[in-house]
mmCIF file of all heavy atoms, coordinates in Angstrom:
data_MODEL
# 
_entry.id   MODEL 
# 
loop_
_atom_site.group_PDB 
_atom_site.id 
_atom_site.type_symbol 
_atom_site.label_atom_id 
_atom_site.label_alt_id 
_atom_site.label_comp_id 
_atom_site.label_asym_id 
_atom_site.label_entity_id 
_atom_site.label_seq_id 
_atom_site.pdbx_PDB_ins_code 
_atom_site.Cartn_x 
_atom_site.Cartn_y 
_atom_site.Cartn_z 
_atom_site.occupancy 
_atom_site.B_iso_or_equiv 
_atom_site.pdbx_formal_charge 
_atom_site.auth_seq_id 
_atom_site.auth_comp_id 
_atom_site.auth_asym_id 
_atom_site.auth_atom_id 
_atom_site.pdbx_PDB_model_num 
ATOM 1   N N   . PRO A 1 1  ? 26.706 -99.426  44.908 1.00 0.00 ? 1  PRO A N   1 
ATOM 2   C CA  . PRO A 1 1  ? 27.755 -100.410 44.913 1.00 0.00 ? 1  PRO A CA  1 
ATOM 3   C C   . PRO A 1 1  ? 28.395 -100.635 46.313 1.00 0.00 ? 1  PRO A C   1 
ATOM 4   O O   . PRO A 1 1  ? 29.518 -100.170 46.581 1.00 0.00 ? 1  PRO A O   1 
ATOM 5   C CB  . PRO A 1 1  ? 28.821 -99.845  43.892 1.00 0.00 ? 1  PRO A CB  1 
ATOM 6   C CG  . PRO A 1 1  ? 28.589 -98.324  44.036 1.00 0.00 ? 1  PRO A CG  1 
ATOM 7   C CD  . PRO A 1 1  ? 27.128 -98.142  44.341 1.00 0.00 ? 1  PRO A CD  1 
ATOM 8   N N   . ALA A 1 2  ? 27.626 -101.293 47.126 1.00 0.00 ? 2  ALA A N   1 
ATOM 9   C CA  . ALA A 1 2  ? 28.085 -101.515 48.547 1.00 0.00 ? 2  ALA A CA  1 
ATOM 10  C C   . ALA A 1 2  ? 27.721 -102.914 48.978 1.00 0.00 ? 2  ALA A C   1 
ATOM 11  O O   . ALA A 1 2  ? 26.528 -103.335 48.841 1.00 0.00 ? 2  ALA A O   1 
ATOM 12  C CB  . ALA A 1 2  ? 27.430 -100.443 49.485 1.00 0.00 ? 2  ALA A CB  1 
ATOM 13  N N   . SER A 1 3  ? 28.703 -103.620 49.446 1.00 0.00 ? 3  SER A N   1 
ATOM 14  C CA  . SER A 1 3  ? 28.426 -105.007 49.942 1.00 0.00 ? 3  SER A CA  1 
ATOM 15  C C   . SER A 1 3  ? 28.115 -105.010 51.400 1.00 0.00 ? 3  SER A C   1 
ATOM 16  O O   . SER A 1 3  ? 27.766 -106.079 51.945 1.00 0.00 ? 3  SER A O   1 
ATOM 17  C CB  . SER A 1 3  ? 29.666 -105.885 49.611 1.00 0.00 ? 3  SER A CB  1 
ATOM 18  O OG  . SER A 1 3  ? 30.847 -105.344 50.147 1.00 0.00 ? 3  SER A OG  1 
ATOM 19  N N   . ARG A 1 4  ? 28.243 -103.898 52.089 1.00 0.00 ? 4  ARG A N   1 
ATOM 20  C CA  . ARG A 1 4  ? 27.931 -103.852 53.493 1.00 0.00 ? 4  ARG A CA  1 
ATOM 21  C C   . ARG A 1 4  ? 27.095 -102.547 53.782 1.00 0.00 ? 4  ARG A C   1 
ATOM 22  O O   . ARG A 1 4  ? 27.255 -101.535 53.120 1.00 0.00 ? 4  ARG A O   1 
ATOM 23  C CB  . ARG A 1 4  ? 29.141 -103.857 54.382 1.00 0.00 ? 4  ARG A CB  1 
ATOM 24  C CG  . ARG A 1 4  ? 29.929 -105.205 54.309 1.00 0.00 ? 4  ARG A CG  1 
ATOM 25  C CD  . ARG A 1 4  ? 31.130 -105.152 55.246 1.00 0.00 ? 4  ARG A CD  1 
ATOM 26  N NE  . ARG A 1 4  ? 32.081 -104.107 54.862 1.00 0.00 ? 4  ARG A NE  1 
ATOM 27  C CZ  . ARG A 1 4  ? 32.999 -103.599 55.683 1.00 0.00 ? 4  ARG A CZ  1 
ATOM 28  N NH1 . ARG A 1 4  ? 33.091 -103.998 56.915 1.00 0.00 ? 4  ARG A NH1 1 
ATOM 29  N NH2 . ARG A 1 4  ? 33.818 -102.645 55.231 1.00 0.00 ? 4  ARG A NH2 1 
ATOM 30  N N   . TYR A 1 5  ? 26.274 -102.649 54.824 1.00 0.00 ? 5  TYR A N   1 
ATOM 31  C CA  . TYR A 1 5  ? 25.558 -101.451 55.309 1.00 0.00 ? 5  TYR A CA  1 
ATOM 32  C C   . TYR A 1 5  ? 25.603 -101.418 56.797 1.00 0.00 ? 5  TYR A C   1 
ATOM 33  O O   . TYR A 1 5  ? 26.037 -102.425 57.431 1.00 0.00 ? 5  TYR A O   1 
ATOM 34  C CB  . TYR A 1 5  ? 24.126 -101.478 54.771 1.00 0.00 ? 5  TYR A CB  1 
ATOM 35  C CG  . TYR A 1 5  ? 23.162 -102.393 55.579 1.00 0.00 ? 5  TYR A CG  1 
ATOM 36  C CD1 . TYR A 1 5  ? 22.241 -101.910 56.447 1.00 0.00 ? 5  TYR A CD1 1 
ATOM 37  C CD2 . TYR A 1 5  ? 23.259 -103.814 55.413 1.00 0.00 ? 5  TYR A CD2 1 
ATOM 38  C CE1 . TYR A 1 5  ? 21.351 -102.747 57.164 1.00 0.00 ? 5  TYR A CE1 1 
ATOM 39  C CE2 . TYR A 1 5  ? 22.396 -104.637 56.053 1.00 0.00 ? 5  TYR A CE2 1 
ATOM 40  C CZ  . TYR A 1 5  ? 21.458 -104.130 56.919 1.00 0.00 ? 5  TYR A CZ  1 
ATOM 41  O OH  . TYR A 1 5  ? 20.630 -104.974 57.622 1.00 0.00 ? 5  TYR A OH  1 
ATOM 42  N N   . SER A 1 6  ? 25.161 -100.383 57.412 1.00 0.00 ? 6  SER A N   1 
ATOM 43  C CA  . SER A 1 6  ? 25.256 -100.211 58.894 1.00 0.00 ? 6  SER A CA  1 
ATOM 44  C C   . SER A 1 6  ? 23.906 -100.500 59.495 1.00 0.00 ? 6  SER A C   1 
ATOM 45  O O   . SER A 1 6  ? 22.939 -99.780  59.290 1.00 0.00 ? 6  SER A O   1 
ATOM 46  C CB  . SER A 1 6  ? 25.681 -98.795  59.252 1.00 0.00 ? 6  SER A CB  1 
ATOM 47  O OG  . SER A 1 6  ? 26.976 -98.510  58.667 1.00 0.00 ? 6  SER A OG  1 
ATOM 48  N N   . GLU A 1 7  ? 23.824 -101.560 60.299 1.00 0.00 ? 7  GLU A N   1 
ATOM 49  C CA  . GLU A 1 7  ? 22.654 -101.879 61.015 1.00 0.00 ? 7  GLU A CA  1 
ATOM 50  C C   . GLU A 1 7  ? 22.468 -100.839 62.190 1.00 0.00 ? 7  GLU A C   1 
ATOM 51  O O   . GLU A 1 7  ? 23.512 -100.451 62.781 1.00 0.00 ? 7  GLU A O   1 
ATOM 52  C CB  . GLU A 1 7  ? 22.711 -103.266 61.641 1.00 0.00 ? 7  GLU A CB  1 
ATOM 53  C CG  . GLU A 1 7  ? 22.582 -104.355 60.585 1.00 0.00 ? 7  GLU A CG  1 
ATOM 54  C CD  . GLU A 1 7  ? 22.516 -105.742 61.161 1.00 0.00 ? 7  GLU A CD  1 
ATOM 55  O OE1 . GLU A 1 7  ? 23.032 -105.895 62.325 1.00 0.00 ? 7  GLU A OE1 1 
ATOM 56  O OE2 . GLU A 1 7  ? 21.977 -106.653 60.547 1.00 0.00 ? 7  GLU A OE2 1 
ATOM 57  N N   . VAL A 1 8  ? 21.258 -100.438 62.457 1.00 0.00 ? 8  VAL A N   1 
ATOM 58  C CA  . VAL A 1 8  ? 21.050 -99.372  63.456 1.00 0.00 ? 8  VAL A CA  1 
ATOM 59  C C   . VAL A 1 8  ? 20.205 -99.865  64.636 1.00 0.00 ? 8  VAL A C   1 
ATOM 60  O O   . VAL A 1 8  ? 19.479 -100.893 64.548 1.00 0.00 ? 8  VAL A O   1 
ATOM 61  C CB  . VAL A 1 8  ? 20.323 -98.147  62.791 1.00 0.00 ? 8  VAL A CB  1 
ATOM 62  C CG1 . VAL A 1 8  ? 21.179 -97.569  61.707 1.00 0.00 ? 8  VAL A CG1 1 
ATOM 63  C CG2 . VAL A 1 8  ? 18.939 -98.556  62.216 1.00 0.00 ? 8  VAL A CG2 1 
ATOM 64  N N   . ASP A 1 9  ? 20.315 -99.132  65.766 1.00 0.00 ? 9  ASP A N   1 
ATOM 65  C CA  . ASP A 1 9  ? 19.536 -99.462  66.884 1.00 0.00 ? 9  ASP A CA  1 
ATOM 66  C C   . ASP A 1 9  ? 18.174 -98.686  66.838 1.00 0.00 ? 9  ASP A C   1 
ATOM 67  O O   . ASP A 1 9  ? 17.887 -98.064  65.814 1.00 0.00 ? 9  ASP A O   1 
ATOM 68  C CB  . ASP A 1 9  ? 20.294 -99.175  68.224 1.00 0.00 ? 9  ASP A CB  1 
ATOM 69  C CG  . ASP A 1 9  ? 20.610 -97.709  68.427 1.00 0.00 ? 9  ASP A CG  1 
ATOM 70  O OD1 . ASP A 1 9  ? 20.031 -96.852  67.720 1.00 0.00 ? 9  ASP A OD1 1 
ATOM 71  O OD2 . ASP A 1 9  ? 21.383 -97.394  69.374 1.00 0.00 ? 9  ASP A OD2 1 
ATOM 72  N N   . LYS A 1 10 ? 17.439 -98.656  67.923 1.00 0.00 ? 10 LYS A N   1 
ATOM 73  C CA  . LYS A 1 10 ? 16.144 -98.033  67.914 1.00 0.00 ? 10 LYS A CA  1 
ATOM 74  C C   . LYS A 1 10 ? 16.207 -96.516  67.727 1.00 0.00 ? 10 LYS A C   1 
ATOM 75  O O   . LYS A 1 10 ? 15.231 -95.845  67.387 1.00 0.00 ? 10 LYS A O   1 
ATOM 76  C CB  . LYS A 1 10 ? 15.344 -98.343  69.168 1.00 0.00 ? 10 LYS A CB  1 
ATOM 77  C CG  . LYS A 1 10 ? 15.961 -97.791  70.471 1.00 0.00 ? 10 LYS A CG  1 
ATOM 78  C CD  . LYS A 1 10 ? 15.124 -98.177  71.673 1.00 0.00 ? 10 LYS A CD  1 
ATOM 79  C CE  . LYS A 1 10 ? 15.719 -97.632  73.006 1.00 0.00 ? 10 LYS A CE  1 
ATOM 80  N NZ  . LYS A 1 10 ? 14.866 -97.963  74.151 1.00 0.00 ? 10 LYS A NZ  1 
ATOM 81  N N   . HIS A 1 11 ? 17.373 -95.958  68.034 1.00 0.00 ? 11 HIS A N   1 
ATOM 82  C CA  . HIS A 1 11 ? 17.612 -94.478  67.788 1.00 0.00 ? 11 HIS A CA  1 
ATOM 83  C C   . HIS A 1 11 ? 18.287 -94.218  66.452 1.00 0.00 ? 11 HIS A C   1 
ATOM 84  O O   . HIS A 1 11 ? 18.721 -93.127  66.219 1.00 0.00 ? 11 HIS A O   1 
ATOM 85  C CB  . HIS A 1 11 ? 18.441 -93.950  68.933 1.00 0.00 ? 11 HIS A CB  1 
ATOM 86  C CG  . HIS A 1 11 ? 17.764 -94.035  70.264 1.00 0.00 ? 11 HIS A CG  1 
ATOM 87  N ND1 . HIS A 1 11 ? 16.594 -93.451  70.562 1.00 0.00 ? 11 HIS A ND1 1 
ATOM 88  C CD2 . HIS A 1 11 ? 18.191 -94.693  71.403 1.00 0.00 ? 11 HIS A CD2 1 
ATOM 89  C CE1 . HIS A 1 11 ? 16.274 -93.723  71.831 1.00 0.00 ? 11 HIS A CE1 1 
ATOM 90  N NE2 . HIS A 1 11 ? 17.201 -94.439  72.400 1.00 0.00 ? 11 HIS A NE2 1 
ATOM 91  N N   . LEU A 1 12 ? 18.395 -95.246  65.618 1.00 0.00 ? 12 LEU A N   1 
ATOM 92  C CA  . LEU A 1 12 ? 18.981 -95.162  64.307 1.00 0.00 ? 12 LEU A CA  1 
ATOM 93  C C   . LEU A 1 12 ? 20.467 -94.849  64.318 1.00 0.00 ? 12 LEU A C   1 
ATOM 94  O O   . LEU A 1 12 ? 21.049 -94.238  63.405 1.00 0.00 ? 12 LEU A O   1 
ATOM 95  C CB  . LEU A 1 12 ? 18.231 -94.114  63.414 1.00 0.00 ? 12 LEU A CB  1 
ATOM 96  C CG  . LEU A 1 12 ? 16.729 -94.354  63.269 1.00 0.00 ? 12 LEU A CG  1 
ATOM 97  C CD1 . LEU A 1 12 ? 16.135 -93.329  62.233 1.00 0.00 ? 12 LEU A CD1 1 
ATOM 98  C CD2 . LEU A 1 12 ? 16.441 -95.802  62.813 1.00 0.00 ? 12 LEU A CD2 1 
ATOM 99  N N   . ILE A 1 13 ? 21.133 -95.316  65.382 1.00 0.00 ? 13 ILE A N   1 
ATOM 100 C CA  . ILE A 1 13 ? 22.564 -95.244  65.530 1.00 0.00 ? 13 ILE A CA  1 
ATOM 101 C C   . ILE A 1 13 ? 23.240 -96.508  65.057 1.00 0.00 ? 13 ILE A C   1 
ATOM 102 O O   . ILE A 1 13 ? 22.827 -97.603  65.419 1.00 0.00 ? 13 ILE A O   1 
ATOM 103 C CB  . ILE A 1 13 ? 22.974 -94.969  66.976 1.00 0.00 ? 13 ILE A CB  1 
ATOM 104 C CG1 . ILE A 1 13 ? 22.373 -93.640  67.493 1.00 0.00 ? 13 ILE A CG1 1 
ATOM 105 C CG2 . ILE A 1 13 ? 24.475 -94.960  67.132 1.00 0.00 ? 13 ILE A CG2 1 
ATOM 106 C CD1 . ILE A 1 13 ? 22.900 -92.387  66.778 1.00 0.00 ? 13 ILE A CD1 1 
ATOM 107 N N   . PRO A 1 14 ? 24.206 -96.419  64.078 1.00 0.00 ? 14 PRO A N   1 
ATOM 108 C CA  . PRO A 1 14 ? 24.853 -97.675  63.666 1.00 0.00 ? 14 PRO A CA  1 
ATOM 109 C C   . PRO A 1 14 ? 25.468 -98.433  64.803 1.00 0.00 ? 14 PRO A C   1 
ATOM 110 O O   . PRO A 1 14 ? 26.133 -97.890  65.667 1.00 0.00 ? 14 PRO A O   1 
ATOM 111 C CB  . PRO A 1 14 ? 25.978 -97.122  62.697 1.00 0.00 ? 14 PRO A CB  1 
ATOM 112 C CG  . PRO A 1 14 ? 25.445 -95.814  62.233 1.00 0.00 ? 14 PRO A CG  1 
ATOM 113 C CD  . PRO A 1 14 ? 24.734 -95.244  63.433 1.00 0.00 ? 14 PRO A CD  1 
ATOM 114 N N   . GLN A 1 15 ? 25.275 -99.781  64.736 1.00 0.00 ? 15 GLN A N   1 
ATOM 115 C CA  . GLN A 1 15 ? 25.781 -100.665 65.731 1.00 0.00 ? 15 GLN A CA  1 
ATOM 116 C C   . GLN A 1 15 ? 26.934 -101.573 65.168 1.00 0.00 ? 15 GLN A C   1 
ATOM 117 O O   . GLN A 1 15 ? 27.875 -101.859 65.819 1.00 0.00 ? 15 GLN A O   1 
ATOM 118 C CB  . GLN A 1 15 ? 24.710 -101.554 66.314 1.00 0.00 ? 15 GLN A CB  1 
ATOM 119 C CG  . GLN A 1 15 ? 23.605 -100.760 66.995 1.00 0.00 ? 15 GLN A CG  1 
ATOM 120 C CD  . GLN A 1 15 ? 24.129 -99.992  68.169 1.00 0.00 ? 15 GLN A CD  1 
ATOM 121 O OE1 . GLN A 1 15 ? 24.595 -100.534 69.203 1.00 0.00 ? 15 GLN A OE1 1 
ATOM 122 N NE2 . GLN A 1 15 ? 24.122 -98.635  68.052 1.00 0.00 ? 15 GLN A NE2 1 
ATOM 123 N N   . ARG A 1 16 ? 26.738 -102.011 63.926 1.00 0.00 ? 16 ARG A N   1 
ATOM 124 C CA  . ARG A 1 16 ? 27.750 -102.836 63.257 1.00 0.00 ? 16 ARG A CA  1 
ATOM 125 C C   . ARG A 1 16 ? 27.502 -102.788 61.747 1.00 0.00 ? 16 ARG A C   1 
ATOM 126 O O   . ARG A 1 16 ? 26.401 -102.418 61.270 1.00 0.00 ? 16 ARG A O   1 
ATOM 127 C CB  . ARG A 1 16 ? 27.664 -104.276 63.780 1.00 0.00 ? 16 ARG A CB  1 
ATOM 128 C CG  . ARG A 1 16 ? 26.464 -105.033 63.284 1.00 0.00 ? 16 ARG A CG  1 
ATOM 129 C CD  . ARG A 1 16 ? 26.398 -106.436 63.873 1.00 0.00 ? 16 ARG A CD  1 
ATOM 130 N NE  . ARG A 1 16 ? 25.336 -107.261 63.248 1.00 0.00 ? 16 ARG A NE  1 
ATOM 131 C CZ  . ARG A 1 16 ? 25.535 -108.133 62.269 1.00 0.00 ? 16 ARG A CZ  1 
ATOM 132 N NH1 . ARG A 1 16 ? 26.761 -108.355 61.776 1.00 0.00 ? 16 ARG A NH1 1 
ATOM 133 N NH2 . ARG A 1 16 ? 24.530 -108.833 61.747 1.00 0.00 ? 16 ARG A NH2 1 
ATOM 134 N N   . HIS A 1 17 ? 28.536 -103.135 61.014 1.00 0.00 ? 17 HIS A N   1 
ATOM 135 C CA  . HIS A 1 17 ? 28.386 -103.232 59.529 1.00 0.00 ? 17 HIS A CA  1 
ATOM 136 C C   . HIS A 1 17 ? 28.072 -104.628 59.188 1.00 0.00 ? 17 HIS A C   1 
ATOM 137 O O   . HIS A 1 17 ? 28.722 -105.603 59.623 1.00 0.00 ? 17 HIS A O   1 
ATOM 138 C CB  . HIS A 1 17 ? 29.706 -102.773 58.879 1.00 0.00 ? 17 HIS A CB  1 
ATOM 139 C CG  . HIS A 1 17 ? 30.176 -101.440 59.266 1.00 0.00 ? 17 HIS A CG  1 
ATOM 140 N ND1 . HIS A 1 17 ? 29.286 -100.375 59.430 1.00 0.00 ? 17 HIS A ND1 1 
ATOM 141 C CD2 . HIS A 1 17 ? 31.413 -100.894 59.511 1.00 0.00 ? 17 HIS A CD2 1 
ATOM 142 C CE1 . HIS A 1 17 ? 29.966 -99.266  59.717 1.00 0.00 ? 17 HIS A CE1 1 
ATOM 143 N NE2 . HIS A 1 17 ? 31.242 -99.582  59.779 1.00 0.00 ? 17 HIS A NE2 1 
ATOM 144 N N   . ALA A 1 18 ? 27.033 -104.795 58.392 1.00 0.00 ? 18 ALA A N   1 
ATOM 145 C CA  . ALA A 1 18 ? 26.541 -106.173 58.051 1.00 0.00 ? 18 ALA A CA  1 
ATOM 146 C C   . ALA A 1 18 ? 26.482 -106.345 56.540 1.00 0.00 ? 18 ALA A C   1 
ATOM 147 O O   . ALA A 1 18 ? 26.321 -105.411 55.783 1.00 0.00 ? 18 ALA A O   1 
ATOM 148 C CB  . ALA A 1 18 ? 25.117 -106.337 58.633 1.00 0.00 ? 18 ALA A CB  1 
ATOM 149 N N   . PRO A 1 19 ? 26.577 -107.622 56.080 1.00 0.00 ? 19 PRO A N   1 
ATOM 150 C CA  . PRO A 1 19 ? 26.509 -107.882 54.637 1.00 0.00 ? 19 PRO A CA  1 
ATOM 151 C C   . PRO A 1 19 ? 25.112 -107.518 54.072 1.00 0.00 ? 19 PRO A C   1 
ATOM 152 O O   . PRO A 1 19 ? 24.091 -107.802 54.746 1.00 0.00 ? 19 PRO A O   1 
ATOM 153 C CB  . PRO A 1 19 ? 26.830 -109.333 54.500 1.00 0.00 ? 19 PRO A CB  1 
ATOM 154 C CG  . PRO A 1 19 ? 27.450 -109.729 55.799 1.00 0.00 ? 19 PRO A CG  1 
ATOM 155 C CD  . PRO A 1 19 ? 26.844 -108.849 56.868 1.00 0.00 ? 19 PRO A CD  1 
ATOM 156 N N   . VAL A 1 20 ? 25.049 -107.000 52.877 1.00 0.00 ? 20 VAL A N   1 
ATOM 157 C CA  . VAL A 1 20 ? 23.794 -106.794 52.238 1.00 0.00 ? 20 VAL A CA  1 
ATOM 158 C C   . VAL A 1 20 ? 23.195 -108.025 51.570 1.00 0.00 ? 20 VAL A C   1 
ATOM 159 O O   . VAL A 1 20 ? 22.005 -108.105 51.292 1.00 0.00 ? 20 VAL A O   1 
ATOM 160 C CB  . VAL A 1 20 ? 23.870 -105.635 51.184 1.00 0.00 ? 20 VAL A CB  1 
ATOM 161 C CG1 . VAL A 1 20 ? 24.348 -104.358 51.763 1.00 0.00 ? 20 VAL A CG1 1 
ATOM 162 C CG2 . VAL A 1 20 ? 24.783 -106.052 50.027 1.00 0.00 ? 20 VAL A CG2 1 
ATOM 163 N N   . GLU A 1 21 ? 24.059 -108.980 51.370 1.00 0.00 ? 21 GLU A N   1 
ATOM 164 C CA  . GLU A 1 21 ? 23.703 -110.206 50.700 1.00 0.00 ? 21 GLU A CA  1 
ATOM 165 C C   . GLU A 1 21 ? 22.467 -110.872 51.340 1.00 0.00 ? 21 GLU A C   1 
ATOM 166 O O   . GLU A 1 21 ? 22.382 -111.039 52.548 1.00 0.00 ? 21 GLU A O   1 
ATOM 167 C CB  . GLU A 1 21 ? 24.830 -111.243 50.720 1.00 0.00 ? 21 GLU A CB  1 
ATOM 168 C CG  . GLU A 1 21 ? 24.592 -112.541 50.008 1.00 0.00 ? 21 GLU A CG  1 
ATOM 169 C CD  . GLU A 1 21 ? 24.621 -112.421 48.525 1.00 0.00 ? 21 GLU A CD  1 
ATOM 170 O OE1 . GLU A 1 21 ? 25.418 -111.641 48.041 1.00 0.00 ? 21 GLU A OE1 1 
ATOM 171 O OE2 . GLU A 1 21 ? 23.858 -113.131 47.841 1.00 0.00 ? 21 GLU A OE2 1 
ATOM 172 N N   . GLY A 1 22 ? 21.439 -111.102 50.528 1.00 0.00 ? 22 GLY A N   1 
ATOM 173 C CA  . GLY A 1 22 ? 20.200 -111.795 51.029 1.00 0.00 ? 22 GLY A CA  1 
ATOM 174 C C   . GLY A 1 22 ? 19.269 -110.870 51.826 1.00 0.00 ? 22 GLY A C   1 
ATOM 175 O O   . GLY A 1 22 ? 18.357 -111.417 52.487 1.00 0.00 ? 22 GLY A O   1 
ATOM 176 N N   . THR A 1 23 ? 19.470 -109.588 51.789 1.00 0.00 ? 23 THR A N   1 
ATOM 177 C CA  . THR A 1 23 ? 18.662 -108.618 52.536 1.00 0.00 ? 23 THR A CA  1 
ATOM 178 C C   . THR A 1 23 ? 18.022 -107.611 51.585 1.00 0.00 ? 23 THR A C   1 
ATOM 179 O O   . THR A 1 23 ? 18.470 -107.463 50.426 1.00 0.00 ? 23 THR A O   1 
ATOM 180 C CB  . THR A 1 23 ? 19.498 -107.844 53.602 1.00 0.00 ? 23 THR A CB  1 
ATOM 181 O OG1 . THR A 1 23 ? 20.265 -106.812 52.949 1.00 0.00 ? 23 THR A OG1 1 
ATOM 182 C CG2 . THR A 1 23 ? 20.401 -108.796 54.362 1.00 0.00 ? 23 THR A CG2 1 
ATOM 183 N N   . PRO A 1 24 ? 17.075 -106.851 52.081 1.00 0.00 ? 24 PRO A N   1 
ATOM 184 C CA  . PRO A 1 24 ? 16.465 -105.775 51.248 1.00 0.00 ? 24 PRO A CA  1 
ATOM 185 C C   . PRO A 1 24 ? 17.460 -104.643 51.003 1.00 0.00 ? 24 PRO A C   1 
ATOM 186 O O   . PRO A 1 24 ? 17.084 -103.655 50.289 1.00 0.00 ? 24 PRO A O   1 
ATOM 187 C CB  . PRO A 1 24 ? 15.295 -105.293 52.073 1.00 0.00 ? 24 PRO A CB  1 
ATOM 188 C CG  . PRO A 1 24 ? 14.924 -106.393 52.979 1.00 0.00 ? 24 PRO A CG  1 
ATOM 189 C CD  . PRO A 1 24 ? 16.284 -107.043 53.334 1.00 0.00 ? 24 PRO A CD  1 
ATOM 190 N N   . PHE A 1 25 ? 18.644 -104.719 51.560 1.00 0.00 ? 25 PHE A N   1 
ATOM 191 C CA  . PHE A 1 25 ? 19.634 -103.662 51.424 1.00 0.00 ? 25 PHE A CA  1 
ATOM 192 C C   . PHE A 1 25 ? 20.646 -103.933 50.310 1.00 0.00 ? 25 PHE A C   1 
ATOM 193 O O   . PHE A 1 25 ? 21.621 -103.183 50.151 1.00 0.00 ? 25 PHE A O   1 
ATOM 194 C CB  . PHE A 1 25 ? 20.353 -103.449 52.741 1.00 0.00 ? 25 PHE A CB  1 
ATOM 195 C CG  . PHE A 1 25 ? 19.437 -102.973 53.892 1.00 0.00 ? 25 PHE A CG  1 
ATOM 196 C CD1 . PHE A 1 25 ? 18.734 -103.902 54.622 1.00 0.00 ? 25 PHE A CD1 1 
ATOM 197 C CD2 . PHE A 1 25 ? 19.235 -101.618 54.045 1.00 0.00 ? 25 PHE A CD2 1 
ATOM 198 C CE1 . PHE A 1 25 ? 17.852 -103.463 55.593 1.00 0.00 ? 25 PHE A CE1 1 
ATOM 199 C CE2 . PHE A 1 25 ? 18.366 -101.173 55.070 1.00 0.00 ? 25 PHE A CE2 1 
ATOM 200 C CZ  . PHE A 1 25 ? 17.634 -102.117 55.822 1.00 0.00 ? 25 PHE A CZ  1 
# 
């Protein structure tokens, strides 16, 4: 039950919180 997830960089470090809507997340 989450409407946002954390997008990561190439080292898997969160960069920003993004909407899950319309994504595989």
